[in-house]
Amino acid sequence: MRRKGSEDWREPEAPVRPNVTREPPRQAAELTVIGAGARLEGNLVSVASLRIEGHVKGQITAEGDVTVAPEAQVDSDIKAANVTIAGAYRGNVTATGTIELASTAKVEGNISCSALIVNQGASFSGQSIMDSTEAAEELAKPAELKVDTQKKDEDAK
């Protein structure tokens, strides 16, 4: 045992505490991922951006951007800031900014946006409106509502 005052004696070291850093509060710039093995049916609302790699059926609303990965299968209406589609997609897409169809995209449905990018190899069957007026909002309505409105108009005549 070493005694205090001897040459090889040292004060005991204070216990080492690991530096703990706290995560910053969550922000809208985060990314939510629907993984490749996931299936989702229903309404999805996200304050963040969204990446879909699995199967989704229903309504999608995101304050950020939405990306549909090449392996994804989506049967849904999407409303978001910007949308990139690289997989199989059926439904209406409304974006306040840009919609991009990657070369692997297979899209059946209507598109409403400010700017549209269609890469070579993409398949698109539907209407596109590059405007943010009432016509774009009309295009984004689900098909069932359009049929009901048309029948009411015909019945009124």
C-alpha atoms as a PDB file:
ATOM      1  CA  MET A   1       0.000   0.000   0.000  1.00  0.00           C
ATOM      2  CA  ARG A   2       1.263   3.437  -0.847  1.00  0.00           C
ATOM      3  CA  ARG A   3       1.253   6.065   1.810  1.00  0.00           C
ATOM      4  CA  LYS A   4       0.526   9.732   1.460  1.00  0.00           C
ATOM      5  CA  GLY A   5       3.794  11.601   1.261  1.00  0.00           C
ATOM      6  CA  SER A   6       5.741   8.802  -0.438  1.00  0.00           C
ATOM      7  CA  GLU A   7       7.137   9.465  -3.920  1.00  0.00           C
ATOM      8  CA  ASP A   8       4.827   7.130  -5.805  1.00  0.00           C
ATOM      9  CA  TRP A   9       1.630   8.199  -4.048  1.00  0.00           C
ATOM     10  CA  ARG A  10      -1.018  10.054  -6.061  1.00  0.00           C
ATOM     11  CA  GLU A  11      -4.350  11.580  -5.158  1.00  0.00           C
ATOM     12  CA  PRO A  12      -7.177   9.320  -6.290  1.00  0.00           C
ATOM     13  CA  GLU A  13      -8.620  10.498  -9.577  1.00  0.00           C
ATOM     14  CA  ALA A  14     -12.118  11.843  -9.650  1.00  0.00           C
ATOM     15  CA  PRO A  15     -14.583   9.459 -11.300  1.00  0.00           C
ATOM     16  CA  VAL A  16     -14.838  10.061 -15.016  1.00  0.00           C
ATOM     17  CA  ARG A  17     -18.302  11.093 -16.137  1.00  0.00           C
ATOM     18  CA  PRO A  18     -19.134  10.593 -19.750  1.00  0.00           C
ATOM     19  CA  ASN A  19     -20.094  13.681 -21.672  1.00  0.00           C
ATOM     20  CA  VAL A  20     -23.822  13.438 -22.159  1.00  0.00           C
ATOM     21  CA  THR A  21     -25.286  15.541 -24.887  1.00  0.00           C
ATOM     22  CA  ARG A  22     -28.974  15.980 -25.234  1.00  0.00           C
ATOM     23  CA  GLU A  23     -30.680  15.762 -28.578  1.00  0.00           C
ATOM     24  CA  PRO A  24     -32.046  19.052 -29.865  1.00  0.00           C
ATOM     25  CA  PRO A  25     -35.820  19.370 -29.978  1.00  0.00           C
ATOM     26  CA  ARG A  26     -37.479  17.749 -32.982  1.00  0.00           C
ATOM     27  CA  GLN A  27     -37.886  19.963 -35.993  1.00  0.00           C
ATOM     28  CA  ALA A  28     -39.977  19.763 -39.160  1.00  0.00           C
ATOM     29  CA  ALA A  29     -36.792  18.975 -41.137  1.00  0.00           C
ATOM     30  CA  GLU A  30     -36.780  15.402 -39.823  1.00  0.00           C
ATOM     31  CA  LEU A  31     -37.521  12.383 -41.982  1.00  0.00           C
ATOM     32  CA  THR A  32     -40.143   9.711 -41.313  1.00  0.00           C
ATOM     33  CA  VAL A  33     -39.521   6.395 -43.080  1.00  0.00           C
ATOM     34  CA  ILE A  34     -42.095   3.739 -43.915  1.00  0.00           C
ATOM     35  CA  GLY A  35     -39.700   0.792 -44.303  1.00  0.00           C
ATOM     36  CA  ALA A  36     -39.593  -1.802 -47.066  1.00  0.00           C
ATOM     37  CA  GLY A  37     -41.302  -4.465 -44.946  1.00  0.00           C
ATOM     38  CA  ALA A  38     -44.083  -2.175 -43.721  1.00  0.00           C
ATOM     39  CA  ARG A  39     -47.721  -2.014 -44.857  1.00  0.00           C
ATOM     40  CA  LEU A  40     -49.847   0.979 -43.941  1.00  0.00           C
ATOM     41  CA  GLU A  41     -53.553   1.506 -44.595  1.00  0.00           C
ATOM     42  CA  GLY A  42     -55.314   4.700 -43.570  1.00  0.00           C
ATOM     43  CA  ASN A  43     -54.556   8.389 -43.235  1.00  0.00           C
ATOM     44  CA  LEU A  44     -50.959   9.440 -42.699  1.00  0.00           C
ATOM     45  CA  VAL A  45     -50.213  12.989 -41.539  1.00  0.00           C
ATOM     46  CA  SER A  46     -46.593  14.086 -41.075  1.00  0.00           C
ATOM     47  CA  VAL A  47     -45.086  17.384 -39.973  1.00  0.00           C
ATOM     48  CA  ALA A  48     -41.780  16.089 -41.312  1.00  0.00           C
ATOM     49  CA  SER A  49     -40.619  14.860 -44.674  1.00  0.00           C
ATOM     50  CA  LEU A  50     -41.596  11.312 -45.548  1.00  0.00           C
ATOM     51  CA  ARG A  51     -39.856   8.469 -47.387  1.00  0.00           C
ATOM     52  CA  ILE A  52     -41.976   5.492 -48.408  1.00  0.00           C
ATOM     53  CA  GLU A  53     -40.210   2.203 -49.135  1.00  0.00           C
ATOM     54  CA  GLY A  54     -43.083  -0.180 -48.335  1.00  0.00           C
ATOM     55  CA  HIS A  55     -46.778  -0.460 -49.221  1.00  0.00           C
ATOM     56  CA  VAL A  56     -49.163   2.405 -48.426  1.00  0.00           C
ATOM     57  CA  LYS A  57     -52.888   2.697 -49.151  1.00  0.00           C
ATOM     58  CA  GLY A  58     -54.888   5.742 -48.025  1.00  0.00           C
ATOM     59  CA  GLN A  59     -54.356   9.487 -47.728  1.00  0.00           C
ATOM     60  CA  ILE A  60     -50.918  11.091 -47.196  1.00  0.00           C
ATOM     61  CA  THR A  61     -50.456  14.680 -46.051  1.00  0.00           C
ATOM     62  CA  ALA A  62     -46.974  15.994 -45.269  1.00  0.00           C
ATOM     63  CA  GLU A  63     -45.722  19.466 -44.439  1.00  0.00           C
ATOM     64  CA  GLY A  64     -42.321  18.465 -45.824  1.00  0.00           C
ATOM     65  CA  ASP A  65     -41.335  16.503 -48.907  1.00  0.00           C
ATOM     66  CA  VAL A  66     -42.543  13.013 -49.834  1.00  0.00           C
ATOM     67  CA  THR A  67     -40.336  10.464 -51.593  1.00  0.00           C
ATOM     68  CA  VAL A  68     -41.710   7.208 -53.000  1.00  0.00           C
ATOM     69  CA  ALA A  69     -38.750   4.818 -53.311  1.00  0.00           C
ATOM     70  CA  PRO A  70     -38.288   2.501 -56.327  1.00  0.00           C
ATOM     71  CA  GLU A  71     -39.351  -0.575 -54.321  1.00  0.00           C
ATOM     72  CA  ALA A  72     -42.498   1.107 -52.932  1.00  0.00           C
ATOM     73  CA  GLN A  73     -46.093   0.451 -53.937  1.00  0.00           C
ATOM     74  CA  VAL A  74     -48.445   3.314 -53.119  1.00  0.00           C
ATOM     75  CA  ASP A  75     -52.191   3.573 -53.751  1.00  0.00           C
ATOM     76  CA  SER A  76     -52.962   6.935 -52.201  1.00  0.00           C
ATOM     77  CA  ASP A  77     -53.550  10.636 -52.663  1.00  0.00           C
ATOM     78  CA  ILE A  78     -50.576  12.768 -51.626  1.00  0.00           C
ATOM     79  CA  LYS A  79     -50.502  16.419 -50.576  1.00  0.00           C
ATOM     80  CA  ALA A  80     -47.025  17.772 -49.782  1.00  0.00           C
ATOM     81  CA  ALA A  81     -44.508  20.528 -50.437  1.00  0.00           C
ATOM     82  CA  ASN A  82     -42.463  18.553 -53.006  1.00  0.00           C
ATOM     83  CA  VAL A  83     -42.902  14.969 -54.200  1.00  0.00           C
ATOM     84  CA  THR A  84     -40.449  12.563 -55.831  1.00  0.00           C
ATOM     85  CA  ILE A  85     -41.847   9.302 -57.195  1.00  0.00           C
ATOM     86  CA  ALA A  86     -39.550   6.443 -58.184  1.00  0.00           C
ATOM     87  CA  GLY A  87     -41.849   3.453 -57.548  1.00  0.00           C
ATOM     88  CA  ALA A  88     -45.326   2.217 -58.460  1.00  0.00           C
ATOM     89  CA  TYR A  89     -47.918   4.877 -57.626  1.00  0.00           C
ATOM     90  CA  ARG A  90     -51.660   5.196 -58.153  1.00  0.00           C
ATOM     91  CA  GLY A  91     -53.552   8.292 -57.016  1.00  0.00           C
ATOM     92  CA  ASN A  92     -53.567  12.068 -57.195  1.00  0.00           C
ATOM     93  CA  VAL A  93     -50.559  14.148 -56.206  1.00  0.00           C
ATOM     94  CA  THR A  94     -50.765  17.792 -55.168  1.00  0.00           C
ATOM     95  CA  ALA A  95     -47.542  19.651 -54.403  1.00  0.00           C
ATOM     96  CA  THR A  96     -47.035  23.330 -53.677  1.00  0.00           C
ATOM     97  CA  GLY A  97     -43.579  23.036 -55.252  1.00  0.00           C
ATOM     98  CA  THR A  98     -42.068  20.415 -57.553  1.00  0.00           C
ATOM     99  CA  ILE A  99     -43.102  16.900 -58.492  1.00  0.00           C
ATOM    100  CA  GLU A 100     -40.380  14.695 -59.979  1.00  0.00           C
ATOM    101  CA  LEU A 101     -40.969  11.359 -61.680  1.00  0.00           C
ATOM    102  CA  ALA A 102     -37.773   9.300 -61.627  1.00  0.00           C
ATOM    103  CA  SER A 103     -36.871   6.984 -64.497  1.00  0.00           C
ATOM    104  CA  THR A 104     -38.254   4.008 -62.523  1.00  0.00           C
ATOM    105  CA  ALA A 105     -41.623   5.673 -61.742  1.00  0.00           C
ATOM    106  CA  LYS A 106     -44.897   4.096 -62.845  1.00  0.00           C
ATOM    107  CA  VAL A 107     -47.648   6.635 -62.132  1.00  0.00           C
ATOM    108  CA  GLU A 108     -51.404   6.347 -62.709  1.00  0.00           C
ATOM    109  CA  GLY A 109     -53.223   9.471 -61.588  1.00  0.00           C
ATOM    110  CA  ASN A 110     -53.415  13.219 -61.766  1.00  0.00           C
ATOM    111  CA  ILE A 111     -50.663  15.632 -60.841  1.00  0.00           C
ATOM    112  CA  SER A 112     -50.959  19.243 -59.688  1.00  0.00           C
ATOM    113  CA  CYS A 113     -47.831  21.309 -58.962  1.00  0.00           C
ATOM    114  CA  SER A 114     -45.813  24.416 -59.730  1.00  0.00           C
ATOM    115  CA  ALA A 115     -43.080  22.516 -61.601  1.00  0.00           C
ATOM    116  CA  LEU A 116     -43.005  19.007 -63.073  1.00  0.00           C
ATOM    117  CA  ILE A 117     -39.892  16.977 -63.887  1.00  0.00           C
ATOM    118  CA  VAL A 118     -40.336  13.743 -65.853  1.00  0.00           C
ATOM    119  CA  ASN A 119     -37.148  11.725 -66.289  1.00  0.00           C
ATOM    120  CA  GLN A 120     -36.621   9.518 -69.330  1.00  0.00           C
ATOM    121  CA  GLY A 121     -38.061   6.064 -68.692  1.00  0.00           C
ATOM    122  CA  ALA A 122     -40.833   7.232 -66.333  1.00  0.00           C
ATOM    123  CA  SER A 123     -44.359   6.041 -67.087  1.00  0.00           C
ATOM    124  CA  PHE A 124     -47.185   8.534 -66.472  1.00  0.00           C
ATOM    125  CA  SER A 125     -50.869   8.045 -67.239  1.00  0.00           C
ATOM    126  CA  GLY A 126     -53.093  10.914 -66.147  1.00  0.00           C
ATOM    127  CA  GLN A 127     -53.525  14.675 -66.286  1.00  0.00           C
ATOM    128  CA  SER A 128     -51.081  17.291 -65.085  1.00  0.00           C
ATOM    129  CA  ILE A 129     -51.792  20.862 -64.080  1.00  0.00           C
ATOM    130  CA  MET A 130     -48.902  23.173 -63.367  1.00  0.00           C
ATOM    131  CA  ASP A 131     -50.805  25.900 -61.568  1.00  0.00           C
ATOM    132  CA  SER A 132     -52.047  26.512 -58.042  1.00  0.00           C
ATOM    133  CA  THR A 133     -55.501  27.788 -58.957  1.00  0.00           C
ATOM    134  CA  GLU A 134     -58.936  26.274 -58.410  1.00  0.00           C
ATOM    135  CA  ALA A 135     -58.438  23.988 -61.426  1.00  0.00           C
ATOM    136  CA  ALA A 136     -55.518  22.341 -59.654  1.00  0.00           C
ATOM    137  CA  GLU A 137     -57.604  21.862 -56.513  1.00  0.00           C
ATOM    138  CA  GLU A 138     -60.416  20.344 -58.605  1.00  0.00           C
ATOM    139  CA  LEU A 139     -57.967  17.910 -60.192  1.00  0.00           C
ATOM    140  CA  ALA A 140     -56.717  16.819 -56.772  1.00  0.00           C
ATOM    141  CA  LYS A 141     -60.196  15.818 -55.517  1.00  0.00           C
ATOM    142  CA  PRO A 142     -60.779  12.072 -55.185  1.00  0.00           C
ATOM    143  CA  ALA A 143     -62.503  10.557 -58.222  1.00  0.00           C
ATOM    144  CA  GLU A 144     -65.638   9.619 -56.232  1.00  0.00           C
ATOM    145  CA  LEU A 145     -66.341  13.272 -55.421  1.00  0.00           C
ATOM    146  CA  LYS A 146     -65.987  14.286 -59.066  1.00  0.00           C
ATOM    147  CA  VAL A 147     -68.498  11.638 -60.187  1.00  0.00           C
ATOM    148  CA  ASP A 148     -71.013  12.673 -57.496  1.00  0.00           C
ATOM    149  CA  THR A 149     -70.673  16.345 -58.486  1.00  0.00           C
ATOM    150  CA  GLN A 150     -71.159  15.525 -62.181  1.00  0.00           C
ATOM    151  CA  LYS A 151     -74.297  13.452 -61.435  1.00  0.00           C
ATOM    152  CA  LYS A 152     -75.791  16.277 -59.366  1.00  0.00           C
ATOM    153  CA  ASP A 153     -75.115  18.728 -62.190  1.00  0.00           C
ATOM    154  CA  GLU A 154     -76.781  16.391 -64.723  1.00  0.00           C
ATOM    155  CA  ASP A 155     -79.770  15.801 -62.438  1.00  0.00           C
ATOM    156  CA  ALA A 156     -80.254  19.554 -62.025  1.00  0.00           C
ATOM    157  CA  LYS A 157     -80.603  19.978 -65.815  1.00  0.00           C
END
